[in-house]
Amino acid sequence: MKSILVPCNFSNHSEMAFNFALEIAEALEAEIVILTALNDINSTEPAEREIQDSLIAENKSKFKTLLEKQARLHVPVRHILRPGKITPLVLDIIEEEKIDVVIMGTHGSRGWDGFFMGSNIEKIVRTSPVPVFAVKSKIAVRSVHNIVFPISLSSDQNTVIEKVKNLQKLFRARLHLVRINTGAAKNEKENLEKLTEFGEKHQLANFTVNSRNRAEVKDGIIDFAREINADMIAMATHGNRGLNHLYSQSIAADVVNHANFLIWTSSTAKNPEKNLKAV
């Protein structure tokens, strides 16, 4: 069974992520794993044990209330409470529970709420071996019609392209390939021809090709998404793995932090120990 991980502190934004995850789970017949991070305290001290027990009881109650609000109660949902910092906990649970996709709630263009403050979003986007959705506002699967996919024009991209095709199929959306050129203006006609060849090579359907010139790739991606009134931005990430054919993960993290859209990111790294066919 496919598994969806939703880090949750029961804020409004994490609840929006959970609602979106319910729709995804229903479509994919998946299970949802809710992860709540607790303060890592010294449980050997009686007073601190009492505090921890109280926090556990409080979060269990919030989880029960969260489920009671939902109509899709036939979707299996489990709750994991664990002390520690959110980023390593997310990575641990991905491995332990064989998670296929992470869905996280954010404050939109103003950055992550207190639960994900600081560099956690960048760490998770950069290190997650599975795709990550960043949910910025209340959104339904049926409302996603246009997906922006920024790409370059070199080297093999099969690993992430297959996931993007699955993503497009899930939302029944149109895919907008875009190349952001920095520095001197590029030959737009040539870029569009190459993007068309790219789409045909990978047997894409229902897609457009686009080329824009901007000083910064991040700004170009966000501006283009606004221009076409996109519903989602899908970005590949790769870290320092010697792959030069996709945008760097720092750009993906910047887009996640600054774009007020639903964002999907996925690593191009191959991990033979995990099944990464899910969106």
C-alpha atoms as a PDB file:
ATOM      1  CA  MET A   1       0.000   0.000   0.000  1.00  0.00           C
ATOM      2  CA  LYS A   2       1.204   3.488  -0.800  1.00  0.00           C
ATOM      3  CA  SER A   3       1.905   5.689   2.208  1.00  0.00           C
ATOM      4  CA  ILE A   4       1.624   9.468   2.612  1.00  0.00           C
ATOM      5  CA  LEU A   5       3.434  11.286   5.417  1.00  0.00           C
ATOM      6  CA  VAL A   6       1.903  14.478   6.829  1.00  0.00           C
ATOM      7  CA  PRO A   7       4.009  16.295   9.476  1.00  0.00           C
ATOM      8  CA  CYS A   8       1.362  17.889  11.675  1.00  0.00           C
ATOM      9  CA  ASN A   9       1.297  20.254  14.651  1.00  0.00           C
ATOM     10  CA  PHE A  10      -2.489  20.728  14.242  1.00  0.00           C
ATOM     11  CA  SER A  11      -2.125  24.313  13.011  1.00  0.00           C
ATOM     12  CA  ASN A  12      -4.454  25.579  10.292  1.00  0.00           C
ATOM     13  CA  HIS A  13      -1.778  25.055   7.666  1.00  0.00           C
ATOM     14  CA  SER A  14      -0.983  21.501   8.687  1.00  0.00           C
ATOM     15  CA  GLU A  15      -4.719  20.762   8.701  1.00  0.00           C
ATOM     16  CA  MET A  16      -4.943  22.072   5.122  1.00  0.00           C
ATOM     17  CA  ALA A  17      -2.103  19.725   4.201  1.00  0.00           C
ATOM     18  CA  PHE A  18      -3.960  16.842   5.838  1.00  0.00           C
ATOM     19  CA  ASN A  19      -7.157  17.636   3.915  1.00  0.00           C
ATOM     20  CA  PHE A  20      -5.200  17.672   0.658  1.00  0.00           C
ATOM     21  CA  ALA A  21      -3.519  14.408   1.651  1.00  0.00           C
ATOM     22  CA  LEU A  22      -6.928  12.824   2.189  1.00  0.00           C
ATOM     23  CA  GLU A  23      -7.856  13.549  -1.411  1.00  0.00           C
ATOM     24  CA  ILE A  24      -4.560  12.166  -2.687  1.00  0.00           C
ATOM     25  CA  ALA A  25      -4.930   9.082  -0.488  1.00  0.00           C
ATOM     26  CA  GLU A  26      -8.430   8.487  -1.782  1.00  0.00           C
ATOM     27  CA  ALA A  27      -7.288   8.746  -5.395  1.00  0.00           C
ATOM     28  CA  LEU A  28      -4.288   6.442  -4.886  1.00  0.00           C
ATOM     29  CA  GLU A  29      -5.870   4.121  -2.295  1.00  0.00           C
ATOM     30  CA  ALA A  30      -3.103   5.097   0.085  1.00  0.00           C
ATOM     31  CA  GLU A  31      -2.601   5.233   3.822  1.00  0.00           C
ATOM     32  CA  ILE A  32      -1.816   8.470   5.682  1.00  0.00           C
ATOM     33  CA  VAL A  33       0.764   8.639   8.447  1.00  0.00           C
ATOM     34  CA  ILE A  34       0.487  11.730  10.655  1.00  0.00           C
ATOM     35  CA  LEU A  35       3.747  12.702  12.373  1.00  0.00           C
ATOM     36  CA  THR A  36       3.753  14.971  15.412  1.00  0.00           C
ATOM     37  CA  ALA A  37       7.108  16.016  16.843  1.00  0.00           C
ATOM     38  CA  LEU A  38       7.319  16.385  20.618  1.00  0.00           C
ATOM     39  CA  ASN A  39       9.904  18.264  22.638  1.00  0.00           C
ATOM     40  CA  ASP A  40      12.831  15.984  23.329  1.00  0.00           C
ATOM     41  CA  ILE A  41      12.958  16.051  27.120  1.00  0.00           C
ATOM     42  CA  ASN A  42      14.685  13.967  29.765  1.00  0.00           C
ATOM     43  CA  SER A  43      12.048  11.332  30.478  1.00  0.00           C
ATOM     44  CA  THR A  44      14.029   9.970  33.445  1.00  0.00           C
ATOM     45  CA  GLU A  45      12.940  12.920  35.591  1.00  0.00           C
ATOM     46  CA  PRO A  46       9.445  12.438  37.106  1.00  0.00           C
ATOM     47  CA  ALA A  47       8.413  16.052  36.496  1.00  0.00           C
ATOM     48  CA  GLU A  48       9.505  15.943  32.861  1.00  0.00           C
ATOM     49  CA  ARG A  49       7.839  12.567  32.352  1.00  0.00           C
ATOM     50  CA  GLU A  50       4.628  14.130  33.581  1.00  0.00           C
ATOM     51  CA  ILE A  51       5.018  17.002  31.108  1.00  0.00           C
ATOM     52  CA  GLN A  52       5.685  14.579  28.291  1.00  0.00           C
ATOM     53  CA  ASP A  53       2.674  12.416  29.206  1.00  0.00           C
ATOM     54  CA  SER A  54       0.525  15.537  29.221  1.00  0.00           C
ATOM     55  CA  LEU A  55       1.789  16.550  25.756  1.00  0.00           C
ATOM     56  CA  ILE A  56       1.124  13.075  24.405  1.00  0.00           C
ATOM     57  CA  ALA A  57      -2.431  13.100  25.754  1.00  0.00           C
ATOM     58  CA  GLU A  58      -3.039  16.587  24.361  1.00  0.00           C
ATOM     59  CA  ASN A  59      -1.815  15.662  20.877  1.00  0.00           C
ATOM     60  CA  LYS A  60      -3.778  12.418  20.845  1.00  0.00           C
ATOM     61  CA  SER A  61      -6.886  14.453  21.635  1.00  0.00           C
ATOM     62  CA  LYS A  62      -6.094  16.894  18.805  1.00  0.00           C
ATOM     63  CA  PHE A  63      -5.617  13.980  16.421  1.00  0.00           C
ATOM     64  CA  LYS A  64      -9.000  12.561  17.393  1.00  0.00           C
ATOM     65  CA  THR A  65     -10.625  15.962  16.800  1.00  0.00           C
ATOM     66  CA  LEU A  66      -8.884  16.232  13.413  1.00  0.00           C
ATOM     67  CA  LEU A  67     -10.331  12.903  12.301  1.00  0.00           C
ATOM     68  CA  GLU A  68     -13.801  13.807  13.521  1.00  0.00           C
ATOM     69  CA  LYS A  69     -13.857  16.775  11.120  1.00  0.00           C
ATOM     70  CA  GLN A  70     -13.290  14.598   8.070  1.00  0.00           C
ATOM     71  CA  ALA A  71     -15.801  12.941   5.774  1.00  0.00           C
ATOM     72  CA  ARG A  72     -13.257  10.541   4.242  1.00  0.00           C
ATOM     73  CA  LEU A  73     -12.936   8.359   7.302  1.00  0.00           C
ATOM     74  CA  HIS A  74     -12.525   5.261   5.125  1.00  0.00           C
ATOM     75  CA  VAL A  75      -8.992   6.443   4.314  1.00  0.00           C
ATOM     76  CA  PRO A  76      -6.667   4.684   6.789  1.00  0.00           C
ATOM     77  CA  VAL A  77      -4.874   7.199   9.028  1.00  0.00           C
ATOM     78  CA  ARG A  78      -2.260   6.498  11.695  1.00  0.00           C
ATOM     79  CA  HIS A  79      -0.701   8.893  14.177  1.00  0.00           C
ATOM     80  CA  ILE A  80       2.951   8.758  15.217  1.00  0.00           C
ATOM     81  CA  LEU A  81       4.086  10.828  18.196  1.00  0.00           C
ATOM     82  CA  ARG A  82       7.835  11.033  18.595  1.00  0.00           C
ATOM     83  CA  PRO A  83      10.259  13.306  20.441  1.00  0.00           C
ATOM     84  CA  GLY A  84      12.914  15.048  18.416  1.00  0.00           C
ATOM     85  CA  LYS A  85      13.546  17.612  15.687  1.00  0.00           C
ATOM     86  CA  ILE A  86      11.203  17.605  12.737  1.00  0.00           C
ATOM     87  CA  THR A  87      13.672  17.217   9.855  1.00  0.00           C
ATOM     88  CA  PRO A  88      15.465  14.057  11.059  1.00  0.00           C
ATOM     89  CA  LEU A  89      12.130  12.652  12.239  1.00  0.00           C
ATOM     90  CA  VAL A  90      10.634  13.097   8.772  1.00  0.00           C
ATOM     91  CA  LEU A  91      13.591  11.316   7.190  1.00  0.00           C
ATOM     92  CA  ASP A  92      13.419   8.502   9.756  1.00  0.00           C
ATOM     93  CA  ILE A  93       9.706   7.949   9.202  1.00  0.00           C
ATOM     94  CA  ILE A  94      10.134   7.976   5.413  1.00  0.00           C
ATOM     95  CA  GLU A  95      12.492   5.020   5.778  1.00  0.00           C
ATOM     96  CA  GLU A  96      10.684   3.190   8.573  1.00  0.00           C
ATOM     97  CA  GLU A  97       7.192   3.446   7.092  1.00  0.00           C
ATOM     98  CA  LYS A  98       8.218   3.151   3.420  1.00  0.00           C
ATOM     99  CA  ILE A  99       6.669   6.533   2.693  1.00  0.00           C
ATOM    100  CA  ASP A 100       5.993   7.425  -0.962  1.00  0.00           C
ATOM    101  CA  VAL A 101       5.216  11.140  -0.659  1.00  0.00           C
ATOM    102  CA  VAL A 102       5.400  13.866   2.012  1.00  0.00           C
ATOM    103  CA  ILE A 103       2.691  16.546   2.207  1.00  0.00           C
ATOM    104  CA  MET A 104       3.498  19.588   4.366  1.00  0.00           C
ATOM    105  CA  GLY A 105       1.582  22.758   5.197  1.00  0.00           C
ATOM    106  CA  THR A 106       3.167  26.219   4.905  1.00  0.00           C
ATOM    107  CA  HIS A 107       2.368  29.897   5.440  1.00  0.00           C
ATOM    108  CA  GLY A 108       2.599  30.556   1.703  1.00  0.00           C
ATOM    109  CA  SER A 109       5.048  33.138   0.434  1.00  0.00           C
ATOM    110  CA  ARG A 110       5.913  34.288   3.962  1.00  0.00           C
ATOM    111  CA  GLY A 111       7.689  31.047   4.784  1.00  0.00           C
ATOM    112  CA  TRP A 112       6.969  28.138   7.065  1.00  0.00           C
ATOM    113  CA  ASP A 113       5.048  28.423  10.319  1.00  0.00           C
ATOM    114  CA  GLY A 114       6.764  27.882  13.664  1.00  0.00           C
ATOM    115  CA  PHE A 115       6.687  24.125  13.216  1.00  0.00           C
ATOM    116  CA  PHE A 116       8.916  24.358  10.166  1.00  0.00           C
ATOM    117  CA  MET A 117      10.828  27.527  11.033  1.00  0.00           C
ATOM    118  CA  GLY A 118      14.387  28.080   9.939  1.00  0.00           C
ATOM    119  CA  SER A 119      16.123  25.753   7.504  1.00  0.00           C
ATOM    120  CA  ASN A 120      13.833  22.728   7.928  1.00  0.00           C
ATOM    121  CA  ILE A 121      12.086  23.199   4.591  1.00  0.00           C
ATOM    122  CA  GLU A 122      15.382  23.414   2.727  1.00  0.00           C
ATOM    123  CA  LYS A 123      16.723  20.349   4.527  1.00  0.00           C
ATOM    124  CA  ILE A 124      13.638  18.290   3.764  1.00  0.00           C
ATOM    125  CA  VAL A 125      13.448  19.375   0.124  1.00  0.00           C
ATOM    126  CA  ARG A 126      17.148  18.667  -0.336  1.00  0.00           C
ATOM    127  CA  THR A 127      17.317  15.358   1.486  1.00  0.00           C
ATOM    128  CA  SER A 128      13.933  13.690   1.050  1.00  0.00           C
ATOM    129  CA  PRO A 129      14.268  10.558  -1.106  1.00  0.00           C
ATOM    130  CA  VAL A 130      10.573  10.861  -1.994  1.00  0.00           C
ATOM    131  CA  PRO A 131       8.517  13.690  -3.529  1.00  0.00           C
ATOM    132  CA  VAL A 132       7.354  16.535  -1.283  1.00  0.00           C
ATOM    133  CA  PHE A 133       4.206  18.642  -1.640  1.00  0.00           C
ATOM    134  CA  ALA A 134       4.249  22.099  -0.027  1.00  0.00           C
ATOM    135  CA  VAL A 135       0.634  23.151   0.542  1.00  0.00           C
ATOM    136  CA  LYS A 136       0.294  26.933   0.768  1.00  0.00           C
ATOM    137  CA  SER A 137      -3.486  27.322   1.031  1.00  0.00           C
ATOM    138  CA  LYS A 138      -6.716  25.376   0.923  1.00  0.00           C
ATOM    139  CA  ILE A 139      -6.712  23.449  -2.344  1.00  0.00           C
ATOM    140  CA  ALA A 140      -8.563  20.528  -3.907  1.00  0.00           C
ATOM    141  CA  VAL A 141      -7.218  17.978  -6.358  1.00  0.00           C
ATOM    142  CA  ARG A 142      -9.936  18.891  -8.867  1.00  0.00           C
ATOM    143  CA  SER A 143      -8.809  22.550  -8.849  1.00  0.00           C
ATOM    144  CA  VAL A 144      -5.321  21.816 -10.195  1.00  0.00           C
ATOM    145  CA  HIS A 145      -5.491  22.361 -13.962  1.00  0.00           C
ATOM    146  CA  ASN A 146      -2.117  23.878 -14.913  1.00  0.00           C
ATOM    147  CA  ILE A 147       1.280  22.644 -13.740  1.00  0.00           C
ATOM    148  CA  VAL A 148       4.512  24.546 -14.438  1.00  0.00           C
ATOM    149  CA  PHE A 149       7.562  22.329 -14.914  1.00  0.00           C
ATOM    150  CA  PRO A 150      10.888  24.231 -15.177  1.00  0.00           C
ATOM    151  CA  ILE A 151      13.547  22.245 -17.015  1.00  0.00           C
ATOM    152  CA  SER A 152      16.924  22.600 -18.690  1.00  0.00           C
ATOM    153  CA  LEU A 153      17.759  21.269 -22.116  1.00  0.00           C
ATOM    154  CA  SER A 154      20.602  18.848 -21.411  1.00  0.00           C
ATOM    155  CA  SER A 155      21.202  15.312 -20.179  1.00  0.00           C
ATOM    156  CA  ASP A 156      18.785  12.560 -19.198  1.00  0.00           C
ATOM    157  CA  GLN A 157      15.771  13.383 -17.014  1.00  0.00           C
ATOM    158  CA  ASN A 158      13.919  10.068 -17.124  1.00  0.00           C
ATOM    159  CA  THR A 159      13.847   9.576 -13.350  1.00  0.00           C
ATOM    160  CA  VAL A 160      11.846  12.688 -12.605  1.00  0.00           C
ATOM    161  CA  ILE A 161       9.930  12.874 -15.901  1.00  0.00           C
ATOM    162  CA  GLU A 162       8.074   9.643 -15.175  1.00  0.00           C
ATOM    163  CA  LYS A 163       7.030  11.040 -11.807  1.00  0.00           C
ATOM    164  CA  VAL A 164       5.885  14.279 -13.418  1.00  0.00           C
ATOM    165  CA  LYS A 165       3.813  12.286 -15.911  1.00  0.00           C
ATOM    166  CA  ASN A 166       2.187  10.423 -13.009  1.00  0.00           C
ATOM    167  CA  LEU A 167       1.587  13.769 -11.313  1.00  0.00           C
ATOM    168  CA  GLN A 168      -0.053  15.176 -14.433  1.00  0.00           C
ATOM    169  CA  LYS A 169      -2.230  12.078 -14.732  1.00  0.00           C
ATOM    170  CA  LEU A 170      -3.348  12.313 -11.105  1.00  0.00           C
ATOM    171  CA  PHE A 171      -4.539  15.911 -11.505  1.00  0.00           C
ATOM    172  CA  ARG A 172      -5.636  15.552 -15.145  1.00  0.00           C
ATOM    173  CA  ALA A 173      -3.763  18.790 -15.713  1.00  0.00           C
ATOM    174  CA  ARG A 174      -1.947  20.552 -18.511  1.00  0.00           C
ATOM    175  CA  LEU A 175       1.838  20.627 -18.245  1.00  0.00           C
ATOM    176  CA  HIS A 176       3.728  23.818 -19.077  1.00  0.00           C
ATOM    177  CA  LEU A 177       7.422  23.229 -19.793  1.00  0.00           C
ATOM    178  CA  VAL A 178       9.466  26.369 -19.258  1.00  0.00           C
ATOM    179  CA  ARG A 179      13.123  27.181 -19.752  1.00  0.00           C
ATOM    180  CA  ILE A 180      14.374  30.205 -17.784  1.00  0.00           C
ATOM    181  CA  ASN A 181      17.353  31.801 -19.519  1.00  0.00           C
ATOM    182  CA  THR A 182      19.713  33.934 -17.446  1.00  0.00           C
ATOM    183  CA  GLY A 183      22.336  36.397 -18.651  1.00  0.00           C
ATOM    184  CA  ALA A 184      22.302  37.330 -22.328  1.00  0.00           C
ATOM    185  CA  ALA A 185      19.078  36.823 -24.252  1.00  0.00           C
ATOM    186  CA  LYS A 186      18.846  33.391 -25.860  1.00  0.00           C
ATOM    187  CA  ASN A 187      17.400  32.279 -29.172  1.00  0.00           C
ATOM    188  CA  GLU A 188      13.771  31.770 -28.154  1.00  0.00           C
ATOM    189  CA  LYS A 189      12.785  29.902 -31.324  1.00  0.00           C
ATOM    190  CA  GLU A 190      15.618  27.429 -30.848  1.00  0.00           C
ATOM    191  CA  ASN A 191      14.705  26.933 -27.181  1.00  0.00           C
ATOM    192  CA  LEU A 192      11.062  26.254 -28.035  1.00  0.00           C
ATOM    193  CA  GLU A 193      12.071  23.754 -30.707  1.00  0.00           C
ATOM    194  CA  LYS A 194      14.302  21.926 -28.240  1.00  0.00           C
ATOM    195  CA  LEU A 195      11.573  21.929 -25.591  1.00  0.00           C
ATOM    196  CA  THR A 196       9.152  20.457 -28.130  1.00  0.00           C
ATOM    197  CA  GLU A 197      11.693  17.750 -28.970  1.00  0.00           C
ATOM    198  CA  PHE A 198      12.102  17.089 -25.262  1.00  0.00           C
ATOM    199  CA  GLY A 199       8.346  16.661 -24.780  1.00  0.00           C
ATOM    200  CA  GLU A 200       8.027  14.363 -27.776  1.00  0.00           C
ATOM    201  CA  LYS A 201      11.060  12.326 -26.719  1.00  0.00           C
ATOM    202  CA  HIS A 202       9.472  11.653 -23.323  1.00  0.00           C
ATOM    203  CA  GLN A 203       6.029  11.075 -24.844  1.00  0.00           C
ATOM    204  CA  LEU A 204       4.410  13.918 -22.945  1.00  0.00           C
ATOM    205  CA  ALA A 205       0.782  14.747 -23.674  1.00  0.00           C
ATOM    206  CA  ASN A 206      -1.219  17.933 -23.202  1.00  0.00           C
ATOM    207  CA  PHE A 207       1.786  20.222 -22.756  1.00  0.00           C
ATOM    208  CA  THR A 208       3.015  23.636 -23.849  1.00  0.00           C
ATOM    209  CA  VAL A 209       6.570  24.889 -24.360  1.00  0.00           C
ATOM    210  CA  ASN A 210       7.748  28.251 -23.080  1.00  0.00           C
ATOM    211  CA  SER A 211      10.958  30.265 -22.812  1.00  0.00           C
ATOM    212  CA  ARG A 212      11.578  33.318 -20.646  1.00  0.00           C
ATOM    213  CA  ASN A 213      14.614  35.551 -20.005  1.00  0.00           C
ATOM    214  CA  ARG A 214      15.208  36.578 -16.386  1.00  0.00           C
ATOM    215  CA  ALA A 215      18.215  37.538 -14.294  1.00  0.00           C
ATOM    216  CA  GLU A 216      17.258  34.993 -11.608  1.00  0.00           C
ATOM    217  CA  VAL A 217      15.849  31.518 -12.308  1.00  0.00           C
ATOM    218  CA  LYS A 218      13.650  31.603  -9.191  1.00  0.00           C
ATOM    219  CA  ASP A 219      12.025  34.873 -10.227  1.00  0.00           C
ATOM    220  CA  GLY A 220      11.522  33.622 -13.766  1.00  0.00           C
ATOM    221  CA  ILE A 221       9.734  30.497 -12.573  1.00  0.00           C
ATOM    222  CA  ILE A 222       7.458  32.398 -10.199  1.00  0.00           C
ATOM    223  CA  ASP A 223       6.710  35.159 -12.731  1.00  0.00           C
ATOM    224  CA  PHE A 224       5.828  32.620 -15.414  1.00  0.00           C
ATOM    225  CA  ALA A 225       3.558  30.703 -13.042  1.00  0.00           C
ATOM    226  CA  ARG A 226       1.736  33.944 -12.223  1.00  0.00           C
ATOM    227  CA  GLU A 227       1.553  34.898 -15.884  1.00  0.00           C
ATOM    228  CA  ILE A 228      -0.350  31.745 -16.880  1.00  0.00           C
ATOM    229  CA  ASN A 229      -2.335  31.578 -13.630  1.00  0.00           C
ATOM    230  CA  ALA A 230      -0.794  28.203 -12.746  1.00  0.00           C
ATOM    231  CA  ASP A 231      -2.107  26.014  -9.950  1.00  0.00           C
ATOM    232  CA  MET A 232       1.129  24.159  -9.184  1.00  0.00           C
ATOM    233  CA  ILE A 233       4.865  24.281  -9.766  1.00  0.00           C
ATOM    234  CA  ALA A 234       6.701  20.951 -10.097  1.00  0.00           C
ATOM    235  CA  MET A 235      10.477  21.050  -9.624  1.00  0.00           C
ATOM    236  CA  ALA A 236      13.268  18.499  -9.739  1.00  0.00           C
ATOM    237  CA  THR A 237      16.024  18.545  -7.123  1.00  0.00           C
ATOM    238  CA  HIS A 238      19.373  16.801  -7.092  1.00  0.00           C
ATOM    239  CA  GLY A 239      21.783  18.206  -4.477  1.00  0.00           C
ATOM    240  CA  ASN A 240      25.514  17.598  -4.881  1.00  0.00           C
ATOM    241  CA  ARG A 241      25.246  14.363  -6.817  1.00  0.00           C
ATOM    242  CA  GLY A 242      27.157  15.445  -9.892  1.00  0.00           C
ATOM    243  CA  LEU A 243      24.048  16.053 -12.014  1.00  0.00           C
ATOM    244  CA  ASN A 244      24.105  19.321 -13.936  1.00  0.00           C
ATOM    245  CA  HIS A 245      20.991  18.926 -16.057  1.00  0.00           C
ATOM    246  CA  LEU A 246      18.370  20.235 -13.622  1.00  0.00           C
ATOM    247  CA  TYR A 247      18.016  23.294 -11.459  1.00  0.00           C
ATOM    248  CA  SER A 248      19.826  23.182  -8.156  1.00  0.00           C
ATOM    249  CA  GLN A 249      17.989  22.299  -4.980  1.00  0.00           C
ATOM    250  CA  SER A 250      18.687  25.737  -3.562  1.00  0.00           C
ATOM    251  CA  ILE A 251      16.525  27.189  -6.334  1.00  0.00           C
ATOM    252  CA  ALA A 252      13.787  24.667  -5.599  1.00  0.00           C
ATOM    253  CA  ALA A 253      13.910  25.570  -1.900  1.00  0.00           C
ATOM    254  CA  ASP A 254      13.791  29.275  -2.783  1.00  0.00           C
ATOM    255  CA  VAL A 255      10.715  28.688  -4.935  1.00  0.00           C
ATOM    256  CA  VAL A 256       9.084  26.722  -2.120  1.00  0.00           C
ATOM    257  CA  ASN A 257       9.770  29.555   0.307  1.00  0.00           C
ATOM    258  CA  HIS A 258       8.708  32.442  -1.930  1.00  0.00           C
ATOM    259  CA  ALA A 259       6.090  31.236  -4.417  1.00  0.00           C
ATOM    260  CA  ASN A 260       2.491  31.363  -3.282  1.00  0.00           C
ATOM    261  CA  PHE A 261       1.559  28.210  -5.189  1.00  0.00           C
ATOM    262  CA  LEU A 262       1.168  24.528  -4.467  1.00  0.00           C
ATOM    263  CA  ILE A 263       4.708  23.186  -4.941  1.00  0.00           C
ATOM    264  CA  TRP A 264       5.868  19.656  -5.696  1.00  0.00           C
ATOM    265  CA  THR A 265       9.556  18.723  -5.552  1.00  0.00           C
ATOM    266  CA  SER A 266      11.259  15.443  -6.321  1.00  0.00           C
ATOM    267  CA  SER A 267      14.841  14.250  -6.154  1.00  0.00           C
ATOM    268  CA  THR A 268      16.487  12.865  -9.272  1.00  0.00           C
ATOM    269  CA  ALA A 269      18.671  10.565  -7.180  1.00  0.00           C
ATOM    270  CA  LYS A 270      18.019   6.888  -7.684  1.00  0.00           C
ATOM    271  CA  ASN A 271      17.433   4.815  -4.564  1.00  0.00           C
ATOM    272  CA  PRO A 272      17.144   1.098  -5.367  1.00  0.00           C
ATOM    273  CA  GLU A 273      15.914   0.314  -1.873  1.00  0.00           C
ATOM    274  CA  LYS A 274      12.708   2.318  -2.252  1.00  0.00           C
ATOM    275  CA  ASN A 275       9.768   2.235  -4.605  1.00  0.00           C
ATOM    276  CA  LEU A 276       9.479   5.796  -5.883  1.00  0.00           C
ATOM    277  CA  LYS A 277       6.763   5.329  -8.510  1.00  0.00           C
ATOM    278  CA  ALA A 278       4.205   7.392  -6.602  1.00  0.00           C
ATOM    279  CA  VAL A 279       3.775  11.095  -7.282  1.00  0.00           C
END
